[in-house]
Amino acid sequence: MNLPHIQNDNLAEFLKKEDVIRETAAQIMKDFALFGIQILFSGKIESAYDELLEQLVSQINILLENDDKILLSVLYQVDISEKDLRKTKLDFPNYDQVEVIAHQIIARDLKKVLSRRYFKSKR
């Protein structure tokens, strides 16, 4: 089993498994909770991406307006680089910058979940 290579064009493939979706949502909630920001997940698997994206967009907008230093800390915590954001912007030209950041958070936390699963299976 090789560690899957996740790109923006195959992200949906990994977001079809209920357990992966739940773990990804939990990772996002955990990352934001470190900064006192609450992200909720209803548990509705079929709308998980849109639900999380909408909440992240809202929270990112609030951070941009009130405390962009916390936003930078969140991006550091999640491990998102400017290069990642530029690539995502090219992959999603219809997304505005905040939507690009939100998408990248979901994608990066999904990668964390899949990496943990991969290395756990190697034990």
C-alpha atoms as a PDB file:
ATOM      1  CA  MET A   1       0.000   0.000   0.000  1.00  0.00           C
ATOM      2  CA  ASN A   2       1.486   3.311  -1.060  1.00  0.00           C
ATOM      3  CA  LEU A   3       0.600   6.612   0.522  1.00  0.00           C
ATOM      4  CA  PRO A   4      -1.987   8.139  -1.850  1.00  0.00           C
ATOM      5  CA  HIS A   5      -1.007  11.294  -3.689  1.00  0.00           C
ATOM      6  CA  ILE A   6      -3.752  13.819  -3.087  1.00  0.00           C
ATOM      7  CA  GLN A   7      -4.265  16.615  -5.577  1.00  0.00           C
ATOM      8  CA  ASN A   8      -7.158  19.002  -5.997  1.00  0.00           C
ATOM      9  CA  ASP A   9      -8.413  16.998  -8.964  1.00  0.00           C
ATOM     10  CA  ASN A  10      -8.714  13.715  -7.019  1.00  0.00           C
ATOM     11  CA  LEU A  11      -9.788  15.071  -3.622  1.00  0.00           C
ATOM     12  CA  ALA A  12     -13.404  13.978  -4.124  1.00  0.00           C
ATOM     13  CA  GLU A  13     -12.263  10.371  -4.501  1.00  0.00           C
ATOM     14  CA  PHE A  14     -11.020  10.364  -0.906  1.00  0.00           C
ATOM     15  CA  LEU A  15     -14.062  12.173   0.433  1.00  0.00           C
ATOM     16  CA  LYS A  16     -16.392   9.290  -0.391  1.00  0.00           C
ATOM     17  CA  LYS A  17     -15.531   7.214   2.662  1.00  0.00           C
ATOM     18  CA  GLU A  18     -17.555   8.043   5.736  1.00  0.00           C
ATOM     19  CA  ASP A  19     -14.799   7.276   8.237  1.00  0.00           C
ATOM     20  CA  VAL A  20     -12.280   9.416   6.344  1.00  0.00           C
ATOM     21  CA  ILE A  21     -14.766  12.291   6.199  1.00  0.00           C
ATOM     22  CA  ARG A  22     -15.447  12.084   9.928  1.00  0.00           C
ATOM     23  CA  GLU A  23     -11.735  11.976  10.772  1.00  0.00           C
ATOM     24  CA  THR A  24     -11.032  14.912   8.455  1.00  0.00           C
ATOM     25  CA  ALA A  25     -13.812  16.971  10.036  1.00  0.00           C
ATOM     26  CA  ALA A  26     -12.470  16.085  13.494  1.00  0.00           C
ATOM     27  CA  GLN A  27      -8.967  17.168  12.453  1.00  0.00           C
ATOM     28  CA  ILE A  28     -10.279  20.508  11.170  1.00  0.00           C
ATOM     29  CA  MET A  29     -12.246  21.046  14.378  1.00  0.00           C
ATOM     30  CA  LYS A  30      -9.156  20.194  16.443  1.00  0.00           C
ATOM     31  CA  ASP A  31      -6.871  22.527  14.481  1.00  0.00           C
ATOM     32  CA  PHE A  32      -9.239  25.459  14.855  1.00  0.00           C
ATOM     33  CA  ALA A  33     -10.074  24.700  18.491  1.00  0.00           C
ATOM     34  CA  LEU A  34      -6.405  25.316  19.323  1.00  0.00           C
ATOM     35  CA  PHE A  35      -7.134  28.970  18.550  1.00  0.00           C
ATOM     36  CA  GLY A  36     -10.529  29.136  20.264  1.00  0.00           C
ATOM     37  CA  ILE A  37     -12.464  28.844  16.993  1.00  0.00           C
ATOM     38  CA  GLN A  38     -15.375  26.451  16.868  1.00  0.00           C
ATOM     39  CA  ILE A  39     -16.026  24.487  13.688  1.00  0.00           C
ATOM     40  CA  LEU A  40     -18.961  22.079  13.802  1.00  0.00           C
ATOM     41  CA  PHE A  41     -19.804  19.056  11.698  1.00  0.00           C
ATOM     42  CA  SER A  42     -23.397  17.856  11.448  1.00  0.00           C
ATOM     43  CA  GLY A  43     -22.360  14.355  10.435  1.00  0.00           C
ATOM     44  CA  LYS A  44     -24.092  14.619   7.057  1.00  0.00           C
ATOM     45  CA  ILE A  45     -21.580  12.824   4.891  1.00  0.00           C
ATOM     46  CA  GLU A  46     -23.035  13.801   1.520  1.00  0.00           C
ATOM     47  CA  SER A  47     -22.721  17.527   2.251  1.00  0.00           C
ATOM     48  CA  ALA A  48     -19.587  17.452   4.423  1.00  0.00           C
ATOM     49  CA  TYR A  49     -17.300  19.302   2.017  1.00  0.00           C
ATOM     50  CA  ASP A  50     -19.770  22.144   1.419  1.00  0.00           C
ATOM     51  CA  GLU A  51     -20.645  22.356   5.118  1.00  0.00           C
ATOM     52  CA  LEU A  52     -17.013  22.569   6.200  1.00  0.00           C
ATOM     53  CA  LEU A  53     -16.076  24.918   3.363  1.00  0.00           C
ATOM     54  CA  GLU A  54     -18.884  27.306   4.285  1.00  0.00           C
ATOM     55  CA  GLN A  55     -17.880  27.424   7.952  1.00  0.00           C
ATOM     56  CA  LEU A  56     -14.205  27.833   7.135  1.00  0.00           C
ATOM     57  CA  VAL A  57     -14.955  30.679   4.721  1.00  0.00           C
ATOM     58  CA  SER A  58     -16.966  32.414   7.428  1.00  0.00           C
ATOM     59  CA  GLN A  59     -14.262  31.982  10.076  1.00  0.00           C
ATOM     60  CA  ILE A  60     -11.455  33.002   7.713  1.00  0.00           C
ATOM     61  CA  ASN A  61     -13.352  36.180   6.795  1.00  0.00           C
ATOM     62  CA  ILE A  62     -13.769  36.992  10.491  1.00  0.00           C
ATOM     63  CA  LEU A  63     -10.055  36.420  11.093  1.00  0.00           C
ATOM     64  CA  LEU A  64      -9.093  38.567   8.109  1.00  0.00           C
ATOM     65  CA  GLU A  65     -11.222  41.397   9.454  1.00  0.00           C
ATOM     66  CA  ASN A  66     -10.217  41.085  13.118  1.00  0.00           C
ATOM     67  CA  ASP A  67      -6.934  39.235  13.604  1.00  0.00           C
ATOM     68  CA  ASP A  68      -4.981  38.082  10.590  1.00  0.00           C
ATOM     69  CA  LYS A  69      -2.149  36.948  12.895  1.00  0.00           C
ATOM     70  CA  ILE A  70      -4.393  34.167  14.185  1.00  0.00           C
ATOM     71  CA  LEU A  71      -5.190  33.207  10.594  1.00  0.00           C
ATOM     72  CA  LEU A  72      -1.477  32.944   9.853  1.00  0.00           C
ATOM     73  CA  SER A  73      -1.063  30.804  12.967  1.00  0.00           C
ATOM     74  CA  VAL A  74      -3.895  28.527  11.832  1.00  0.00           C
ATOM     75  CA  LEU A  75      -2.303  28.171   8.399  1.00  0.00           C
ATOM     76  CA  TYR A  76       1.017  27.348  10.060  1.00  0.00           C
ATOM     77  CA  GLN A  77      -0.684  24.783  12.327  1.00  0.00           C
ATOM     78  CA  VAL A  78      -2.408  23.132   9.378  1.00  0.00           C
ATOM     79  CA  ASP A  79       0.854  23.353   7.390  1.00  0.00           C
ATOM     80  CA  ILE A  80      -0.264  25.350   4.381  1.00  0.00           C
ATOM     81  CA  SER A  81       2.274  27.255   2.316  1.00  0.00           C
ATOM     82  CA  GLU A  82       1.867  30.118  -0.124  1.00  0.00           C
ATOM     83  CA  LYS A  83       2.865  27.674  -2.862  1.00  0.00           C
ATOM     84  CA  ASP A  84      -0.067  25.410  -1.895  1.00  0.00           C
ATOM     85  CA  LEU A  85      -2.441  28.376  -2.054  1.00  0.00           C
ATOM     86  CA  ARG A  86      -1.141  29.493  -5.457  1.00  0.00           C
ATOM     87  CA  LYS A  87      -1.584  25.982  -6.875  1.00  0.00           C
ATOM     88  CA  THR A  88      -5.091  25.704  -5.460  1.00  0.00           C
ATOM     89  CA  LYS A  89      -6.012  29.086  -6.957  1.00  0.00           C
ATOM     90  CA  LEU A  90      -4.952  27.784 -10.373  1.00  0.00           C
ATOM     91  CA  ASP A  91      -6.960  24.581  -9.856  1.00  0.00           C
ATOM     92  CA  PHE A  92     -10.053  26.504  -8.688  1.00  0.00           C
ATOM     93  CA  PRO A  93     -10.164  29.738 -10.722  1.00  0.00           C
ATOM     94  CA  ASN A  94     -13.797  30.358  -9.699  1.00  0.00           C
ATOM     95  CA  TYR A  95     -12.910  30.390  -5.994  1.00  0.00           C
ATOM     96  CA  ASP A  96     -12.032  33.676  -4.336  1.00  0.00           C
ATOM     97  CA  GLN A  97      -8.951  33.809  -2.101  1.00  0.00           C
ATOM     98  CA  VAL A  98     -10.861  32.943   1.084  1.00  0.00           C
ATOM     99  CA  GLU A  99     -12.473  29.917  -0.584  1.00  0.00           C
ATOM    100  CA  VAL A 100      -9.022  28.842  -1.794  1.00  0.00           C
ATOM    101  CA  ILE A 101      -7.699  28.978   1.782  1.00  0.00           C
ATOM    102  CA  ALA A 102     -10.723  27.064   3.092  1.00  0.00           C
ATOM    103  CA  HIS A 103     -10.377  24.385   0.414  1.00  0.00           C
ATOM    104  CA  GLN A 104      -6.683  24.016   1.125  1.00  0.00           C
ATOM    105  CA  ILE A 105      -7.378  23.536   4.848  1.00  0.00           C
ATOM    106  CA  ILE A 106      -9.784  20.697   4.034  1.00  0.00           C
ATOM    107  CA  ALA A 107      -7.318  19.136   1.586  1.00  0.00           C
ATOM    108  CA  ARG A 108      -4.359  19.405   3.959  1.00  0.00           C
ATOM    109  CA  ASP A 109      -6.257  17.943   6.916  1.00  0.00           C
ATOM    110  CA  LEU A 110      -7.458  15.125   4.664  1.00  0.00           C
ATOM    111  CA  LYS A 111      -3.802  14.432   3.819  1.00  0.00           C
ATOM    112  CA  LYS A 112      -3.003  14.304   7.545  1.00  0.00           C
ATOM    113  CA  VAL A 113      -5.772  11.762   8.105  1.00  0.00           C
ATOM    114  CA  LEU A 114      -4.680   9.577   5.202  1.00  0.00           C
ATOM    115  CA  SER A 115      -1.021   9.771   6.260  1.00  0.00           C
ATOM    116  CA  ARG A 116      -1.892   8.670   9.801  1.00  0.00           C
ATOM    117  CA  ARG A 117      -3.925   5.774   8.420  1.00  0.00           C
ATOM    118  CA  TYR A 118      -1.127   4.756   6.073  1.00  0.00           C
ATOM    119  CA  PHE A 119       1.548   4.726   8.759  1.00  0.00           C
ATOM    120  CA  LYS A 120      -0.753   3.027  11.254  1.00  0.00           C
ATOM    121  CA  SER A 121      -1.301   0.225   8.717  1.00  0.00           C
ATOM    122  CA  LYS A 122       2.482  -0.209   8.450  1.00  0.00           C
ATOM    123  CA  ARG A 123       2.870  -1.153  12.130  1.00  0.00           C
END
